[in-house]
Amino acid sequence: MYQLERVVRVVWPSSLWLMATDGIEGTPRAYLFILMSVAANVLLYGVLGSVVWSVKYFVADRSKR
């Protein structure tokens, strides 16, 4: 199971915030951790997607020349 946890930390690093809600489900503090996790995912994958899109755009632009 430890190998799976290592993969999850790399692919989904904000899952640590979701683990922080263990035992405090349904409280405002838990909802804050969930909101932080979602915001981190949006930011992380938005930046990652922008980088991939930019690289693809520039590679395609060079191939047209």
Protein backbone atom coordinates (compact mmCIF):
# COMPACT_ATOMS: atom_id res chain seq x y z
CA MET A 1 0.00 0.00 0.00
CA TYR A 2 2.96 2.31 0.59
CA GLN A 3 3.79 2.39 -3.14
CA LEU A 4 0.25 3.56 -3.91
CA GLU A 5 0.59 6.36 -1.35
CA ARG A 6 3.81 7.51 -3.01
CA VAL A 7 2.12 7.60 -6.42
CA VAL A 8 -0.85 9.54 -4.99
CA ARG A 9 1.49 12.14 -3.45
CA VAL A 10 3.11 12.74 -6.85
CA VAL A 11 -0.04 12.71 -9.00
CA TRP A 12 -2.34 14.38 -6.47
CA PRO A 13 -0.25 16.32 -3.92
CA SER A 14 -3.22 18.18 -2.44
CA SER A 15 -4.61 14.86 -1.18
CA LEU A 16 -2.67 15.58 2.01
CA TRP A 17 -5.19 18.30 2.82
CA LEU A 18 -8.02 15.83 2.37
CA MET A 19 -6.34 13.45 4.79
CA ALA A 20 -6.34 16.29 7.33
CA THR A 21 -10.15 16.11 7.43
CA ASP A 22 -10.09 12.63 8.96
CA GLY A 23 -12.14 12.82 12.14
CA ILE A 24 -13.50 16.33 11.61
CA GLU A 25 -15.94 15.61 8.79
CA GLY A 26 -18.86 18.03 8.51
CA THR A 27 -17.18 20.88 10.39
CA PRO A 28 -16.31 24.28 8.95
CA ARG A 29 -12.63 23.44 9.38
CA ALA A 30 -13.02 20.31 7.24
CA TYR A 31 -14.76 22.32 4.52
CA LEU A 32 -11.85 24.79 4.59
CA PHE A 33 -9.38 21.93 3.99
CA ILE A 34 -11.53 20.62 1.14
CA LEU A 35 -11.73 24.08 -0.42
CA MET A 36 -7.95 24.44 -0.15
CA SER A 37 -7.49 21.04 -1.79
CA VAL A 38 -9.79 21.89 -4.70
CA ALA A 39 -8.15 25.31 -5.17
CA ALA A 40 -4.69 23.74 -5.17
CA ASN A 41 -5.79 21.19 -7.78
CA VAL A 42 -7.26 23.90 -10.00
CA LEU A 43 -4.09 25.96 -9.72
CA LEU A 44 -1.69 23.05 -10.16
CA TYR A 45 -3.39 21.46 -13.14
CA GLY A 46 -4.21 24.85 -14.68
CA VAL A 47 -0.53 25.75 -14.66
CA LEU A 48 0.49 22.29 -15.84
CA GLY A 49 -2.07 22.40 -18.66
CA SER A 50 -0.92 25.87 -19.70
CA VAL A 51 2.69 24.72 -19.86
CA VAL A 52 1.80 21.65 -21.93
CA TRP A 53 -0.42 23.72 -24.23
CA SER A 54 2.33 26.34 -24.69
CA VAL A 55 4.94 23.73 -25.55
CA LYS A 56 2.55 22.08 -28.01
CA TYR A 57 1.68 25.46 -29.53
CA PHE A 58 5.33 26.44 -30.04
CA VAL A 59 6.31 23.04 -31.42
CA ALA A 60 3.41 23.15 -33.89
CA ASP A 61 4.27 26.73 -34.84
CA ARG A 62 7.89 25.78 -35.59
CA SER A 63 6.83 22.85 -37.73
CA LYS A 64 4.73 25.16 -39.95
CA ARG A 65 7.73 27.31 -40.82
